[in-house]
Protein backbone atom coordinates (compact mmCIF):
# COMPACT_ATOMS: atom_id res chain seq x y z
CA MET A 1 70.46 66.27 113.16
CA LEU A 2 70.94 64.34 109.79
CA GLU A 3 69.29 67.21 107.95
CA LYS A 4 71.36 69.82 109.94
CA ARG A 5 74.23 67.88 108.58
CA VAL A 6 73.13 68.00 105.08
CA VAL A 7 72.37 72.18 104.83
CA VAL A 8 76.11 72.58 106.67
CA ARG A 9 77.72 70.76 104.24
CA LEU A 10 75.89 72.09 101.22
CA GLY A 11 76.84 75.11 102.36
CA LEU A 12 80.54 74.42 102.64
CA CYS A 13 80.45 73.07 98.65
CA ALA A 14 78.65 76.47 97.74
CA SER A 15 81.04 78.04 99.29
CA LEU A 16 84.15 76.39 97.78
CA VAL A 17 82.48 76.74 94.49
CA PHE A 18 82.25 80.70 95.22
CA PHE A 19 86.19 80.39 95.98
CA THR A 20 86.77 78.86 92.73
CA ILE A 21 84.64 80.48 89.87
CA ILE A 22 86.51 83.60 92.42
CA THR A 23 89.99 82.88 92.21
CA LEU A 24 89.46 81.82 88.17
CA PHE A 25 88.06 85.63 87.29
CA GLY A 26 90.09 87.09 89.80
CA CYS A 27 93.04 86.54 88.71
CA ALA A 28 93.49 87.33 85.24
CA ALA A 29 97.39 87.80 83.90
CA LYS A 30 97.54 91.23 83.67
CA THR A 31 100.21 93.74 82.24
CA LYS A 32 100.65 98.06 82.20
CA ILE A 33 101.01 99.82 79.71
CA HIS A 34 102.60 103.27 79.45
CA GLY A 35 101.68 105.52 77.14
CA ILE A 36 101.52 109.22 76.63
CA LYS A 37 98.67 111.99 76.77
CA PRO A 38 99.09 115.09 74.62
CA ALA A 39 98.57 118.14 76.16
CA ASP A 40 94.56 119.66 76.37
CA ILE A 41 95.63 122.61 75.16
CA SER A 42 98.53 123.60 72.41
CA THR A 43 101.01 126.07 73.86
CA GLY A 44 102.38 126.63 69.56
CA GLY A 45 106.04 126.93 70.23
CA ILE A 46 106.90 127.59 73.97
CA ARG A 47 109.69 125.89 74.36
CA THR A 48 110.97 127.42 77.38
CA MET A 49 108.17 128.39 80.19
CA GLY A 50 108.52 130.57 83.11
CA VAL A 51 106.40 130.00 85.82
CA LEU A 52 105.19 133.31 87.88
CA LYS A 53 103.52 134.16 91.50
CA PHE A 54 99.99 132.83 91.59
CA ASP A 55 97.54 135.15 93.25
CA GLY A 56 95.82 134.01 96.23
CA GLU A 57 96.40 132.94 100.11
CA TYR A 58 97.07 129.55 98.53
CA GLY A 59 99.00 131.24 95.18
CA GLU A 60 101.93 129.57 96.39
CA THR A 61 101.58 126.08 97.23
CA VAL A 62 99.62 125.68 94.05
CA ARG A 63 102.05 127.49 92.16
CA GLY A 64 105.53 124.95 94.25
CA ASP A 65 103.20 121.51 93.63
CA PHE A 66 102.90 122.99 89.71
CA TYR A 67 106.45 123.73 89.30
CA GLY A 68 107.39 120.36 90.27
CA LYS A 69 105.45 118.52 88.10
CA LEU A 70 106.16 120.18 85.24
CA GLY A 71 109.76 119.35 85.92
CA GLU A 72 109.28 115.95 86.46
CA VAL A 73 108.01 115.61 82.39
CA GLU A 74 110.48 117.32 80.89
CA HIS A 75 108.40 119.04 78.33
CA PHE A 76 110.10 122.87 78.77
CA ASN A 77 112.86 123.97 80.08
CA LEU A 78 111.85 126.09 83.06
CA VAL A 79 113.20 129.71 83.68
CA ASP A 80 113.77 130.59 87.43
CA VAL A 81 111.58 133.44 87.71
CA THR A 82 112.40 134.09 91.72
CA GLN A 83 115.96 135.50 90.82
CA THR A 84 113.93 138.55 88.95
CA ASP A 85 112.55 140.41 91.80
CA ALA A 86 110.56 143.04 89.46
CA LEU A 87 108.16 139.73 88.80
CA ASP A 88 106.80 139.64 91.76
CA LYS A 89 104.84 143.03 90.83
CA VAL A 90 103.25 140.98 87.85
CA VAL A 91 100.27 140.04 88.85
CA TYR A 92 97.07 137.67 86.81
CA ASP A 93 94.95 140.45 85.42
CA GLN A 94 98.34 142.25 84.97
CA ILE A 95 100.08 139.29 82.60
CA ASP A 96 99.67 141.42 79.51
CA ASP A 97 100.18 144.66 80.91
CA PRO A 98 102.88 146.61 78.60
CA ARG A 99 104.65 147.66 81.37
CA PHE A 100 105.66 144.67 82.58
CA LEU A 101 107.19 143.93 79.15
CA PRO A 102 110.87 144.97 79.73
CA ALA A 103 110.75 142.34 82.74
CA LEU A 104 109.01 139.48 81.05
CA GLU A 105 111.79 139.70 77.78
CA ASP A 106 114.85 139.45 80.31
CA LEU A 107 113.30 136.03 81.41
CA CYS A 108 114.52 134.86 77.54
CA ALA A 109 111.43 132.32 77.48
CA ASP A 110 109.38 131.62 75.12
CA GLY A 111 106.13 132.33 77.53
CA VAL A 112 104.84 132.50 81.26
CA ILE A 113 102.01 131.47 82.93
CA THR A 114 100.19 132.89 85.73
CA GLY A 115 97.37 132.12 87.65
CA ARG A 116 94.88 132.41 90.27
CA VAL A 117 93.68 130.37 93.52
CA THR A 118 90.63 130.54 95.02
CA VAL A 119 90.04 127.85 98.18
CA GLY A 120 86.71 127.48 99.90
CA ILE A 121 86.68 125.10 103.00
CA ASN A 122 84.04 124.30 105.22
CA ASP A 123 82.66 122.06 108.49
CA ILE A 124 79.32 120.85 108.61
CA HIS A 125 78.64 119.68 112.07
CA GLY A 126 75.89 117.01 113.40
CA THR A 127 74.64 114.04 114.89
CA ASP A 128 73.08 110.33 113.76
CA GLN A 129 71.18 108.34 115.70
CA VAL A 130 72.76 105.29 115.85
CA SER A 131 71.50 101.71 116.89
CA MET A 132 73.85 100.43 119.71
CA LYS A 133 73.45 97.25 122.23
CA GLU A 134 73.83 97.60 126.05
CA GLY A 135 73.54 95.60 128.55
CA THR A 136 70.02 95.29 130.68
CA GLY A 137 72.21 93.78 133.56
CA ARG A 138 69.99 90.61 133.77
CA TYR A 139 71.62 87.17 132.74
CA GLU A 140 70.63 84.18 130.85
CA LYS A 141 72.02 80.67 130.00
CA LYS A 142 73.00 79.76 127.17
CA LYS A 143 75.42 77.17 125.72
CA ASN A 144 79.00 78.77 124.54
CA ILE A 145 80.74 77.43 121.45
CA PHE A 146 82.10 74.08 123.45
CA GLY A 147 79.05 73.69 124.39
CA LYS A 148 78.80 75.08 127.86
CA TRP A 149 76.50 76.32 129.45
CA VAL A 150 77.53 80.06 130.31
CA ASN A 151 75.67 82.84 132.02
CA VAL A 152 75.04 86.04 128.95
CA GLU A 153 74.15 89.55 129.57
CA ILE A 154 70.83 90.06 127.85
CA LYS A 155 71.06 93.33 125.51
CA ARG A 156 68.97 96.26 123.97
CA THR A 157 69.29 97.80 121.12
CA VAL A 158 68.95 101.65 121.82
CA LEU A 159 69.36 104.72 119.27
CA ARG A 160 72.31 106.99 120.59
CA PRO A 161 73.61 110.29 118.98
CA VAL A 162 76.97 110.18 117.65
CA PRO A 163 78.57 113.72 116.42
CA TYR A 164 79.52 113.65 112.66
CA ILE A 165 81.78 116.23 110.47
CA ILE A 166 81.06 116.05 107.30
CA ARG A 167 84.87 118.09 105.37
CA GLN A 168 83.16 119.80 102.09
CA ALA A 169 86.00 122.34 100.13
CA SER A 170 87.29 123.00 96.57
CA LEU A 171 90.36 124.63 95.45
CA THR A 172 90.04 126.74 92.04
CA THR A 173 93.06 128.10 89.73
CA ASP A 174 92.58 129.84 86.49
CA PHE A 175 95.60 130.19 84.30
CA LYS A 176 97.07 131.81 81.98
CA VAL A 177 99.82 131.28 79.48
CA PHE A 178 101.65 134.20 77.43
CA ASP A 179 103.37 134.35 74.72
CA LEU A 180 106.40 136.31 74.97
CA LYS A 181 106.83 136.17 70.97
CA THR A 182 103.55 137.44 69.77
CA LYS A 183 102.80 139.21 73.36
CA ARG A 184 99.63 137.88 73.64
CA ILE A 185 97.68 135.88 75.87
CA ILE A 186 97.45 132.45 73.97
CA ALA A 187 95.56 129.96 76.34
CA THR A 188 92.96 130.57 79.34
CA GLY A 189 91.21 127.84 81.43
CA LYS A 190 89.97 126.72 84.86
CA VAL A 191 90.81 124.05 87.21
CA THR A 192 88.84 122.65 89.83
CA LYS A 193 89.12 119.77 92.35
CA SER A 194 86.54 119.13 94.97
CA TYR A 195 86.49 117.37 98.61
CA ASN A 196 83.60 115.69 100.43
CA LYS A 197 83.29 113.03 103.35
CA LYS A 198 81.71 112.63 106.18
CA PHE A 199 83.89 111.36 109.44
CA GLY A 200 82.08 110.43 112.57
CA GLY A 201 78.28 109.24 112.90
CA LYS A 202 76.73 106.04 111.67
CA GLY A 203 80.50 105.55 109.83
CA GLU A 204 81.61 105.56 113.96
CA HIS A 205 80.73 102.27 114.56
CA SER A 206 80.68 100.58 111.07
CA PHE A 207 83.91 98.35 110.41
CA SER A 208 84.36 100.48 107.01
CA GLY A 209 83.13 103.66 107.91
CA LYS A 210 85.53 106.93 108.36
CA LYS A 211 86.12 107.90 112.72
CA LEU A 212 85.90 111.40 113.49
CA ARG A 213 89.07 111.26 114.71
CA ARG A 214 90.52 110.68 111.28
CA LEU A 215 89.51 113.96 110.18
CA PRO A 216 92.88 115.94 108.21
CA THR A 217 93.36 119.34 109.48
CA GLN A 218 92.31 121.41 106.82
CA ASP A 219 95.90 122.44 105.69
CA GLN A 220 95.89 118.70 104.74
CA ASN A 221 92.70 118.69 102.80
CA ILE A 222 93.86 121.73 100.93
CA HIS A 223 97.53 120.75 100.19
CA GLU A 224 95.78 117.26 98.61
CA LEU A 225 93.40 119.68 96.47
CA SER A 226 96.62 121.58 95.41
CA ALA A 227 98.50 118.17 94.50
CA ARG A 228 95.40 117.27 93.09
CA VAL A 229 94.90 120.45 91.00
CA ALA A 230 98.36 120.98 90.43
CA ALA A 231 98.62 117.49 88.35
CA ARG A 232 95.60 118.47 86.48
CA LEU A 233 96.95 121.84 85.14
CA VAL A 234 100.75 120.35 84.09
CA ALA A 235 98.23 117.57 81.89
CA LYS A 236 96.43 121.00 80.75
CA ILE A 237 99.29 122.63 79.09
CA SER A 238 101.91 119.97 78.73
CA PRO A 239 102.22 116.09 77.71
CA THR A 240 102.44 113.37 80.72
CA LYS A 241 102.80 109.76 81.02
CA VAL A 242 100.23 107.90 81.33
CA SER A 243 99.61 103.84 81.85
CA THR A 244 96.96 101.68 81.35
CA VAL A 245 96.45 98.31 83.42
CA VAL A 246 95.64 95.28 80.00
CA LYS A 247 94.09 91.59 80.66
CA PHE A 248 95.97 89.00 78.49
CA ASP A 249 93.25 86.55 77.55
CA GLU A 250 94.52 83.23 78.09
CA GLY A 251 92.29 81.36 74.97
CA GLY A 252 89.44 79.84 77.65
CA LYS A 253 85.89 80.19 77.65
CA PHE A 254 83.86 82.12 80.69
CA GLY A 255 87.49 82.36 82.64
CA PHE A 256 87.82 78.08 82.42
CA GLY A 257 90.35 76.29 80.53
CA GLY A 258 92.67 77.72 78.12
CA HIS A 259 95.16 77.53 75.29
CA LYS A 260 98.56 76.23 76.34
CA MET A 261 100.62 77.74 74.20
CA ILE A 262 99.01 80.94 74.86
CA LYS A 263 100.00 80.76 77.41
CA ARG A 264 103.39 79.72 77.99
CA GLY A 265 103.62 82.71 75.59
CA ILE A 266 101.46 84.78 78.46
CA GLU A 267 103.91 83.49 80.43
CA PHE A 268 107.41 85.11 78.59
CA ALA A 269 104.72 88.64 78.75
CA LYS A 270 104.99 89.12 82.45
CA ARG A 271 108.70 88.35 82.61
CA GLY A 272 109.26 90.51 80.13
CA VAL A 273 110.65 88.37 77.43
CA TRP A 274 107.89 90.21 74.81
CA GLU A 275 109.75 88.77 71.61
CA GLU A 276 109.48 85.56 72.75
CA ALA A 277 106.35 85.86 73.60
CA MET A 278 105.16 86.97 70.49
CA GLU A 279 106.27 84.42 68.12
CA ILE A 280 104.72 82.44 70.55
CA TRP A 281 101.56 83.64 69.51
CA ARG A 282 102.56 83.95 66.22
CA GLU A 283 103.11 80.47 65.85
CA VAL A 284 99.36 79.78 67.27
CA ILE A 285 98.02 81.68 64.15
CA LYS A 286 99.42 79.62 62.15
CA ALA A 287 98.72 76.82 63.01
CA GLU A 288 95.04 78.34 63.95
CA PRO A 289 94.29 81.31 62.12
CA GLY A 290 91.07 82.34 63.57
CA ASN A 291 92.93 81.96 67.09
CA ALA A 292 91.15 85.38 68.73
CA ALA A 293 92.93 84.85 71.70
CA ALA A 294 96.08 85.07 69.81
CA TYR A 295 95.63 88.16 67.73
CA TYR A 296 94.58 89.79 71.02
CA ASN A 297 97.47 89.66 72.69
CA LEU A 298 99.96 90.40 69.71
CA GLY A 299 98.10 93.73 69.77
CA VAL A 300 98.70 93.95 73.68
CA ALA A 301 102.03 93.11 73.11
CA HIS A 302 102.25 96.39 70.34
CA GLU A 303 100.35 98.42 71.63
CA GLY A 304 103.15 98.17 74.68
CA PHE A 305 105.67 99.29 72.23
CA GLY A 306 104.02 103.58 71.83
CA ASP A 307 104.94 104.49 68.81
CA LEU A 308 102.16 105.44 66.07
CA GLU A 309 103.21 102.49 63.48
CA ASN A 310 103.13 99.55 66.66
CA LEU A 311 99.64 101.03 67.73
CA GLU A 312 99.00 100.74 63.65
CA ILE A 313 99.83 97.07 64.08
CA ALA A 314 97.76 96.85 67.73
CA ARG A 315 94.82 97.98 66.11
CA SER A 316 95.13 95.48 62.93
CA MET A 317 95.34 92.60 65.46
CA TYR A 318 92.30 94.39 67.98
CA LYS A 319 90.19 93.93 65.05
CA LYS A 320 91.00 90.43 63.71
CA ALA A 321 90.99 89.25 67.13
CA ALA A 322 86.50 90.89 67.10
CA ARG A 323 86.36 89.37 64.00
CA TYR A 324 87.44 86.16 65.07
CA GLY A 325 85.67 86.28 68.43
CA ASP A 326 83.16 87.93 70.34
CA LYS A 327 84.28 89.12 73.35
CA LYS A 328 84.06 92.51 75.43
CA LEU A 329 87.28 92.48 75.88
CA TYR A 330 88.24 92.83 72.38
CA ILE A 331 85.56 95.57 71.35
CA LYS A 332 86.92 97.65 74.26
CA ALA A 333 90.70 97.23 73.22
CA VAL A 334 89.81 98.63 69.88
CA ALA A 335 88.19 101.41 71.19
CA ARG A 336 90.99 101.96 73.07
CA ILE A 337 93.82 101.58 70.25
CA SER A 338 92.03 104.49 68.64
CA THR A 339 92.24 106.68 71.31
CA ALA A 340 95.72 105.79 71.54
CA ILE A 341 96.25 106.23 68.30
CA ALA A 342 94.78 109.50 67.72
CA ASP A 343 96.77 110.90 71.36
CA ARG A 344 100.07 109.70 69.96
CA ARG A 345 99.69 111.62 66.25
CA LYS A 346 97.96 115.13 68.78
CA TYR A 347 101.25 114.50 70.36
CA GLU A 348 103.80 114.22 67.64
CA GLU A 349 102.04 117.77 66.10
CA GLN A 350 103.19 118.68 69.15
CA LYS A 351 106.75 117.76 69.91
CA ASN A 352 107.73 118.80 65.70
CA LEU A 353 106.13 122.12 66.66
CA LEU A 354 108.28 122.76 69.71
CA LYS A 355 111.77 121.48 67.40
CA GLN A 356 110.75 123.79 65.35
CA THR A 357 111.80 126.22 68.18
CA PRO A 358 114.80 127.15 68.72
CA GLU A 359 116.41 126.93 72.40
CA LYS A 360 116.49 130.24 74.35
CA GLU A 361 120.26 130.95 75.54
CA PRO A 362 119.80 132.86 78.93
CA LYS A 363 121.50 136.81 79.18
CA GLU A 364 125.39 137.04 80.93
CA GLY A 365 124.02 137.43 84.40
CA GLY A 366 120.38 136.62 83.69
CA VAL A 367 117.75 133.70 85.28
CA ARG A 368 118.97 130.28 85.41
CA ILE A 369 117.40 127.78 82.74
CA TYR A 370 116.92 124.28 83.86
């Protein structure tokens, strides 16, 4: 009995130590850094964009999602093409057909985009043999958790067939961007998103499995894929906002301890008082020129401002942190900031090119720009 108590106590102590370690490592202070990702494809000087009809059974679904998300990023002036009936005849394969140029030019846009949507969806039906416990109708005496003897039914393990459905779906959008100034197609591409999940079967009786009753309708899956494709399509032709969760460094080793003043700076940063936080970390560096954590956190602060000058300062801070410390956190930060600087430079080029293009004025009685 004594040995049993010792084992229980050791188990409780081990659990407590494990919980403490998880708490220390899992509760690192973090912040969210916002940035701009440049467009994957340069659309040159297209400032005003018309979103034409998308071909395919679900073409208008994708077009509607794409139009809405493109409006959110506020990069292009968007033309309302629904006011021009002649544009309904413009299809994906004929976007550069000279016969449609008069109607396209009436849009008073710099360029237009169109697409072709194809969808595939398939359900695979089957059964899994799942182990289950079932009663035998026979009982035995056992003590319950209160130490009392009770009758407990004897159970046996059996295999039962449990139906499942594997839903496989994909949605692809081919797109073309047509420049109305040069009368040429300047960009083409393809975006595909897929869905592949199993419902029921072994998952029907597991804690984390997907139950068969949770199987979405096919339309729900298609609308989900449409939204994902639309978001990716926007990123293809337009700068988009991105955010990254970044950890602060408290200055301790292996997640323990930490520098008192650095922690104080982090508390200010978590409340959004970045100037105070940065001043504290600068004071730490004055007193301790080799304090890697202070350099790193200053880098996080400058990275958060997002402009090219501050990103360059952030890279300098991260490199100094890596020079004075060997944490993976610093190496990752140097790699991340290098990508952020390259992205920012590309975005500035795209923005400057756009500024050089004068805004289109709609003709009297023509389509709306908003």
